[in-house]
Amino acid sequence: MATRVKADVAGTVWKITARAGAVVAADEEIMILESMKMEIPVAAPAAGRIARFLVAEGETIAEGQDLAEIDAT
């Protein structure tokens, strides 16, 4: 079952720091959001493999929006 990574704030996807297919640890940074001129790291909520990103760099996102899916390993 996939775990969804959700945005804590509204803003813009500034940079995706991991790649789809990568194995990540819980709390490992996978992307950085920009909101009100602040960089906000987004961490994997659980360990696993990044199944896919649901957003792209430069995309405007809403608070609570799904950003990525992580499959448990």
PDB file of N, CA and C in Angstrom:
ATOM      1  N   MET A   1       0.840  -1.187   0.000  1.00  0.00           N
ATOM      2  CA  MET A   1       0.000   0.000   0.000  1.00  0.00           C
ATOM      3  C   MET A   1       0.879   1.242   0.000  1.00  0.00           C
ATOM      4  N   ALA A   2       0.511   2.205  -0.806  1.00  0.00           N
ATOM      5  CA  ALA A   2       1.301   3.425  -0.955  1.00  0.00           C
ATOM      6  C   ALA A   2       0.947   4.442   0.123  1.00  0.00           C
ATOM      7  N   THR A   3       1.975   5.123   0.612  1.00  0.00           N
ATOM      8  CA  THR A   3       1.806   6.230   1.552  1.00  0.00           C
ATOM      9  C   THR A   3       1.846   7.508   0.747  1.00  0.00           C
ATOM     10  N   ARG A   4       0.892   8.390   0.969  1.00  0.00           N
ATOM     11  CA  ARG A   4       0.859   9.670   0.265  1.00  0.00           C
ATOM     12  C   ARG A   4       1.638  10.719   1.057  1.00  0.00           C
ATOM     13  N   VAL A   5       2.440  11.493   0.353  1.00  0.00           N
ATOM     14  CA  VAL A   5       3.157  12.619   0.939  1.00  0.00           C
ATOM     15  C   VAL A   5       2.315  13.846   0.651  1.00  0.00           C
ATOM     16  N   LYS A   6       1.937  14.580   1.694  1.00  0.00           N
ATOM     17  CA  LYS A   6       1.056  15.737   1.543  1.00  0.00           C
ATOM     18  C   LYS A   6       1.791  17.029   1.866  1.00  0.00           C
ATOM     19  N   ALA A   7       1.342  18.113   1.241  1.00  0.00           N
ATOM     20  CA  ALA A   7       1.916  19.433   1.487  1.00  0.00           C
ATOM     21  C   ALA A   7       1.393  19.990   2.804  1.00  0.00           C
ATOM     22  N   ASP A   8       2.294  20.486   3.636  1.00  0.00           N
ATOM     23  CA  ASP A   8       1.903  21.123   4.896  1.00  0.00           C
ATOM     24  C   ASP A   8       1.469  22.569   4.695  1.00  0.00           C
ATOM     25  N   VAL A   9       1.922  23.163   3.592  1.00  0.00           N
ATOM     26  CA  VAL A   9       1.615  24.569   3.303  1.00  0.00           C
ATOM     27  C   VAL A   9       1.313  24.738   1.817  1.00  0.00           C
ATOM     28  N   ALA A  10       0.651  25.832   1.498  1.00  0.00           N
ATOM     29  CA  ALA A  10       0.454  26.207   0.096  1.00  0.00           C
ATOM     30  C   ALA A  10       1.722  26.908  -0.377  1.00  0.00           C
ATOM     31  N   GLY A  11       2.049  26.752  -1.639  1.00  0.00           N
ATOM     32  CA  GLY A  11       3.242  27.404  -2.172  1.00  0.00           C
ATOM     33  C   GLY A  11       3.581  26.882  -3.548  1.00  0.00           C
ATOM     34  N   THR A  12       4.870  26.767  -3.812  1.00  0.00           N
ATOM     35  CA  THR A  12       5.382  26.311  -5.098  1.00  0.00           C
ATOM     36  C   THR A  12       6.410  25.214  -4.859  1.00  0.00           C
ATOM     37  N   VAL A  13       6.430  24.221  -5.743  1.00  0.00           N
ATOM     38  CA  VAL A  13       7.469  23.184  -5.669  1.00  0.00           C
ATOM     39  C   VAL A  13       8.749  23.835  -6.179  1.00  0.00           C
ATOM     40  N   TRP A  14       9.687  24.093  -5.271  1.00  0.00           N
ATOM     41  CA  TRP A  14      10.918  24.771  -5.656  1.00  0.00           C
ATOM     42  C   TRP A  14      11.906  23.793  -6.275  1.00  0.00           C
ATOM     43  N   LYS A  15      12.098  22.629  -5.605  1.00  0.00           N
ATOM     44  CA  LYS A  15      13.073  21.664  -6.113  1.00  0.00           C
ATOM     45  C   LYS A  15      12.708  20.260  -5.636  1.00  0.00           C
ATOM     46  N   ILE A  16      12.779  19.294  -6.533  1.00  0.00           N
ATOM     47  CA  ILE A  16      12.609  17.895  -6.174  1.00  0.00           C
ATOM     48  C   ILE A  16      14.014  17.330  -5.976  1.00  0.00           C
ATOM     49  N   THR A  17      14.307  16.871  -4.754  1.00  0.00           N
ATOM     50  CA  THR A  17      15.672  16.470  -4.410  1.00  0.00           C
ATOM     51  C   THR A  17      15.905  14.962  -4.484  1.00  0.00           C
ATOM     52  N   ALA A  18      14.858  14.191  -4.670  1.00  0.00           N
ATOM     53  CA  ALA A  18      14.973  12.737  -4.834  1.00  0.00           C
ATOM     54  C   ALA A  18      14.440  12.394  -6.227  1.00  0.00           C
ATOM     55  N   ARG A  19      14.571  11.140  -6.614  1.00  0.00           N
ATOM     56  CA  ARG A  19      14.037  10.747  -7.921  1.00  0.00           C
ATOM     57  C   ARG A  19      13.051   9.601  -7.748  1.00  0.00           C
ATOM     58  N   ALA A  20      12.128   9.496  -8.662  1.00  0.00           N
ATOM     59  CA  ALA A  20      11.185   8.382  -8.636  1.00  0.00           C
ATOM     60  C   ALA A  20      11.971   7.084  -8.718  1.00  0.00           C
ATOM     61  N   GLY A  21      11.589   6.121  -7.917  1.00  0.00           N
ATOM     62  CA  GLY A  21      12.282   4.838  -7.878  1.00  0.00           C
ATOM     63  C   GLY A  21      13.331   4.753  -6.789  1.00  0.00           C
ATOM     64  N   ALA A  22      13.696   5.876  -6.213  1.00  0.00           N
ATOM     65  CA  ALA A  22      14.715   5.881  -5.158  1.00  0.00           C
ATOM     66  C   ALA A  22      14.147   5.305  -3.866  1.00  0.00           C
ATOM     67  N   VAL A  23      14.994   4.634  -3.114  1.00  0.00           N
ATOM     68  CA  VAL A  23      14.621   4.130  -1.793  1.00  0.00           C
ATOM     69  C   VAL A  23      14.992   5.209  -0.786  1.00  0.00           C
ATOM     70  N   VAL A  24      14.029   5.586   0.053  1.00  0.00           N
ATOM     71  CA  VAL A  24      14.248   6.646   1.034  1.00  0.00           C
ATOM     72  C   VAL A  24      13.939   6.146   2.437  1.00  0.00           C
ATOM     73  N   ALA A  25      14.578   6.759   3.407  1.00  0.00           N
ATOM     74  CA  ALA A  25      14.320   6.468   4.817  1.00  0.00           C
ATOM     75  C   ALA A  25      13.218   7.396   5.314  1.00  0.00           C
ATOM     76  N   ALA A  26      12.571   7.010   6.385  1.00  0.00           N
ATOM     77  CA  ALA A  26      11.592   7.895   7.012  1.00  0.00           C
ATOM     78  C   ALA A  26      12.291   9.196   7.397  1.00  0.00           C
ATOM     79  N   ASP A  27      11.636  10.303   7.170  1.00  0.00           N
ATOM     80  CA  ASP A  27      12.135  11.649   7.477  1.00  0.00           C
ATOM     81  C   ASP A  27      13.250  12.134   6.549  1.00  0.00           C
ATOM     82  N   GLU A  28      13.522  11.409   5.462  1.00  0.00           N
ATOM     83  CA  GLU A  28      14.515  11.859   4.483  1.00  0.00           C
ATOM     84  C   GLU A  28      13.866  12.893   3.558  1.00  0.00           C
ATOM     85  N   GLU A  29      14.583  13.969   3.269  1.00  0.00           N
ATOM     86  CA  GLU A  29      14.064  15.021   2.394  1.00  0.00           C
ATOM     87  C   GLU A  29      13.866  14.497   0.979  1.00  0.00           C
ATOM     88  N   ILE A  30      12.702  14.805   0.391  1.00  0.00           N
ATOM     89  CA  ILE A  30      12.456  14.398  -0.996  1.00  0.00           C
ATOM     90  C   ILE A  30      12.192  15.594  -1.906  1.00  0.00           C
ATOM     91  N   MET A  31      11.811  16.729  -1.327  1.00  0.00           N
ATOM     92  CA  MET A  31      11.614  17.937  -2.126  1.00  0.00           C
ATOM     93  C   MET A  31      11.618  19.152  -1.220  1.00  0.00           C
ATOM     94  N   ILE A  32      11.681  20.330  -1.860  1.00  0.00           N
ATOM     95  CA  ILE A  32      11.653  21.590  -1.127  1.00  0.00           C
ATOM     96  C   ILE A  32      10.543  22.452  -1.723  1.00  0.00           C
ATOM     97  N   LEU A  33       9.693  22.969  -0.836  1.00  0.00           N
ATOM     98  CA  LEU A  33       8.641  23.886  -1.261  1.00  0.00           C
ATOM     99  C   LEU A  33       9.071  25.306  -0.950  1.00  0.00           C
ATOM    100  N   GLU A  34       8.520  26.257  -1.675  1.00  0.00           N
ATOM    101  CA  GLU A  34       8.759  27.670  -1.403  1.00  0.00           C
ATOM    102  C   GLU A  34       7.414  28.280  -1.061  1.00  0.00           C
ATOM    103  N   SER A  35       7.363  28.938   0.095  1.00  0.00           N
ATOM    104  CA  SER A  35       6.139  29.594   0.529  1.00  0.00           C
ATOM    105  C   SER A  35       6.518  30.873   1.259  1.00  0.00           C
ATOM    106  N   MET A  36       5.989  31.979   0.827  1.00  0.00           N
ATOM    107  CA  MET A  36       6.267  33.271   1.442  1.00  0.00           C
ATOM    108  C   MET A  36       7.771  33.525   1.551  1.00  0.00           C
ATOM    109  N   LYS A  37       8.502  33.206   0.489  1.00  0.00           N
ATOM    110  CA  LYS A  37       9.946  33.396   0.374  1.00  0.00           C
ATOM    111  C   LYS A  37      10.757  32.566   1.367  1.00  0.00           C
ATOM    112  N   MET A  38      10.145  31.491   1.875  1.00  0.00           N
ATOM    113  CA  MET A  38      10.851  30.567   2.758  1.00  0.00           C
ATOM    114  C   MET A  38      10.940  29.215   2.084  1.00  0.00           C
ATOM    115  N   GLU A  39      12.054  28.525   2.266  1.00  0.00           N
ATOM    116  CA  GLU A  39      12.229  27.170   1.745  1.00  0.00           C
ATOM    117  C   GLU A  39      11.797  26.180   2.823  1.00  0.00           C
ATOM    118  N   ILE A  40      10.867  25.300   2.471  1.00  0.00           N
ATOM    119  CA  ILE A  40      10.314  24.344   3.424  1.00  0.00           C
ATOM    120  C   ILE A  40      10.598  22.931   2.931  1.00  0.00           C
ATOM    121  N   PRO A  41      11.448  22.184   3.642  1.00  0.00           N
ATOM    122  CA  PRO A  41      11.740  20.814   3.211  1.00  0.00           C
ATOM    123  C   PRO A  41      10.530  19.901   3.430  1.00  0.00           C
ATOM    124  N   VAL A  42      10.355  18.965   2.503  1.00  0.00           N
ATOM    125  CA  VAL A  42       9.304  17.950   2.612  1.00  0.00           C
ATOM    126  C   VAL A  42      10.013  16.611   2.788  1.00  0.00           C
ATOM    127  N   ALA A  43       9.671  15.907   3.865  1.00  0.00           N
ATOM    128  CA  ALA A  43      10.327  14.644   4.183  1.00  0.00           C
ATOM    129  C   ALA A  43       9.389  13.475   3.926  1.00  0.00           C
ATOM    130  N   ALA A  44       9.974  12.344   3.634  1.00  0.00           N
ATOM    131  CA  ALA A  44       9.202  11.105   3.470  1.00  0.00           C
ATOM    132  C   ALA A  44       8.587  10.745   4.818  1.00  0.00           C
ATOM    133  N   PRO A  45       7.285  10.499   4.881  1.00  0.00           N
ATOM    134  CA  PRO A  45       6.649  10.149   6.153  1.00  0.00           C
ATOM    135  C   PRO A  45       6.957   8.717   6.604  1.00  0.00           C
ATOM    136  N   ALA A  46       7.439   7.888   5.676  1.00  0.00           N
ATOM    137  CA  ALA A  46       7.760   6.492   5.983  1.00  0.00           C
ATOM    138  C   ALA A  46       8.873   6.034   5.045  1.00  0.00           C
ATOM    139  N   ALA A  47       9.578   4.999   5.450  1.00  0.00           N
ATOM    140  CA  ALA A  47      10.617   4.429   4.594  1.00  0.00           C
ATOM    141  C   ALA A  47       9.961   3.678   3.443  1.00  0.00           C
ATOM    142  N   GLY A  48      10.625   3.672   2.298  1.00  0.00           N
ATOM    143  CA  GLY A  48      10.115   2.935   1.149  1.00  0.00           C
ATOM    144  C   GLY A  48      10.717   3.425  -0.145  1.00  0.00           C
ATOM    145  N   ARG A  49      10.079   3.034  -1.245  1.00  0.00           N
ATOM    146  CA  ARG A  49      10.526   3.425  -2.581  1.00  0.00           C
ATOM    147  C   ARG A  49       9.555   4.471  -3.122  1.00  0.00           C
ATOM    148  N   ILE A  50      10.087   5.555  -3.666  1.00  0.00           N
ATOM    149  CA  ILE A  50       9.228   6.599  -4.240  1.00  0.00           C
ATOM    150  C   ILE A  50       8.600   6.031  -5.510  1.00  0.00           C
ATOM    151  N   ALA A  51       7.302   5.805  -5.465  1.00  0.00           N
ATOM    152  CA  ALA A  51       6.584   5.239  -6.612  1.00  0.00           C
ATOM    153  C   ALA A  51       6.449   6.273  -7.717  1.00  0.00           C
ATOM    154  N   ARG A  52       6.076   7.487  -7.320  1.00  0.00           N
ATOM    155  CA  ARG A  52       5.939   8.554  -8.315  1.00  0.00           C
ATOM    156  C   ARG A  52       5.721   9.885  -7.629  1.00  0.00           C
ATOM    157  N   PHE A  53       6.092  10.939  -8.341  1.00  0.00           N
ATOM    158  CA  PHE A  53       5.799  12.291  -7.905  1.00  0.00           C
ATOM    159  C   PHE A  53       4.517  12.723  -8.593  1.00  0.00           C
ATOM    160  N   LEU A  54       3.671  13.426  -7.878  1.00  0.00           N
ATOM    161  CA  LEU A  54       2.393  13.883  -8.408  1.00  0.00           C
ATOM    162  C   LEU A  54       2.423  15.360  -8.774  1.00  0.00           C
ATOM    163  N   VAL A  55       3.583  15.992  -8.591  1.00  0.00           N
ATOM    164  CA  VAL A  55       3.778  17.410  -8.915  1.00  0.00           C
ATOM    165  C   VAL A  55       5.113  17.559  -9.644  1.00  0.00           C
ATOM    166  N   ALA A  56       5.324  18.728 -10.207  1.00  0.00           N
ATOM    167  CA  ALA A  56       6.575  19.020 -10.922  1.00  0.00           C
ATOM    168  C   ALA A  56       7.183  20.299 -10.359  1.00  0.00           C
ATOM    169  N   GLU A  57       8.486  20.467 -10.561  1.00  0.00           N
ATOM    170  CA  GLU A  57       9.149  21.699 -10.128  1.00  0.00           C
ATOM    171  C   GLU A  57       8.470  22.898 -10.779  1.00  0.00           C
ATOM    172  N   GLY A  58       8.252  23.944  -9.981  1.00  0.00           N
ATOM    173  CA  GLY A  58       7.623  25.159 -10.471  1.00  0.00           C
ATOM    174  C   GLY A  58       6.105  25.162 -10.350  1.00  0.00           C
ATOM    175  N   GLU A  59       5.529  24.022 -10.010  1.00  0.00           N
ATOM    176  CA  GLU A  59       4.072  23.913  -9.910  1.00  0.00           C
ATOM    177  C   GLU A  59       3.572  24.548  -8.608  1.00  0.00           C
ATOM    178  N   THR A  60       2.461  25.276  -8.696  1.00  0.00           N
ATOM    179  CA  THR A  60       1.813  25.841  -7.520  1.00  0.00           C
ATOM    180  C   THR A  60       0.966  24.757  -6.870  1.00  0.00           C
ATOM    181  N   ILE A  61       1.078  24.646  -5.550  1.00  0.00           N
ATOM    182  CA  ILE A  61       0.369  23.590  -4.832  1.00  0.00           C
ATOM    183  C   ILE A  61      -0.456  24.180  -3.692  1.00  0.00           C
ATOM    184  N   ALA A  62      -1.476  23.431  -3.272  1.00  0.00           N
ATOM    185  CA  ALA A  62      -2.341  23.840  -2.170  1.00  0.00           C
ATOM    186  C   ALA A  62      -1.972  23.070  -0.908  1.00  0.00           C
ATOM    187  N   GLU A  63      -2.290  23.638   0.244  1.00  0.00           N
ATOM    188  CA  GLU A  63      -2.075  22.939   1.509  1.00  0.00           C
ATOM    189  C   GLU A  63      -2.886  21.649   1.513  1.00  0.00           C
ATOM    190  N   GLY A  64      -2.258  20.549   1.903  1.00  0.00           N
ATOM    191  CA  GLY A  64      -2.929  19.264   1.948  1.00  0.00           C
ATOM    192  C   GLY A  64      -2.903  18.486   0.641  1.00  0.00           C
ATOM    193  N   GLN A  65      -2.367  19.093  -0.421  1.00  0.00           N
ATOM    194  CA  GLN A  65      -2.304  18.424  -1.726  1.00  0.00           C
ATOM    195  C   GLN A  65      -1.325  17.261  -1.687  1.00  0.00           C
ATOM    196  N   ASP A  66      -1.660  16.166  -2.386  1.00  0.00           N
ATOM    197  CA  ASP A  66      -0.750  15.025  -2.509  1.00  0.00           C
ATOM    198  C   ASP A  66       0.428  15.416  -3.396  1.00  0.00           C
ATOM    199  N   LEU A  67       1.645  15.128  -2.915  1.00  0.00           N
ATOM    200  CA  LEU A  67       2.854  15.479  -3.648  1.00  0.00           C
ATOM    201  C   LEU A  67       3.549  14.270  -4.263  1.00  0.00           C
ATOM    202  N   ALA A  68       3.494  13.137  -3.568  1.00  0.00           N
ATOM    203  CA  ALA A  68       4.187  11.929  -4.018  1.00  0.00           C
ATOM    204  C   ALA A  68       3.564  10.710  -3.360  1.00  0.00           C
ATOM    205  N   GLU A  69       3.919   9.536  -3.904  1.00  0.00           N
ATOM    206  CA  GLU A  69       3.506   8.261  -3.331  1.00  0.00           C
ATOM    207  C   GLU A  69       4.751   7.451  -3.007  1.00  0.00           C
ATOM    208  N   ILE A  70       4.773   6.835  -1.826  1.00  0.00           N
ATOM    209  CA  ILE A  70       5.892   6.002  -1.402  1.00  0.00           C
ATOM    210  C   ILE A  70       5.353   4.611  -1.101  1.00  0.00           C
ATOM    211  N   ASP A  71       5.936   3.599  -1.743  1.00  0.00           N
ATOM    212  CA  ASP A  71       5.569   2.201  -1.500  1.00  0.00           C
ATOM    213  C   ASP A  71       6.468   1.656  -0.395  1.00  0.00           C
ATOM    214  N   ALA A  72       5.884   0.982   0.572  1.00  0.00           N
ATOM    215  CA  ALA A  72       6.666   0.388   1.663  1.00  0.00           C
ATOM    216  C   ALA A  72       7.590  -0.687   1.108  1.00  0.00           C
ATOM    217  N   THR A  73       8.774  -0.793   1.691  1.00  0.00           N
ATOM    218  CA  THR A  73       9.740  -1.808   1.242  1.00  0.00           C
ATOM    219  C   THR A  73       9.857  -2.908   2.259  1.00  0.00           C
TER     220      THR A  73
END
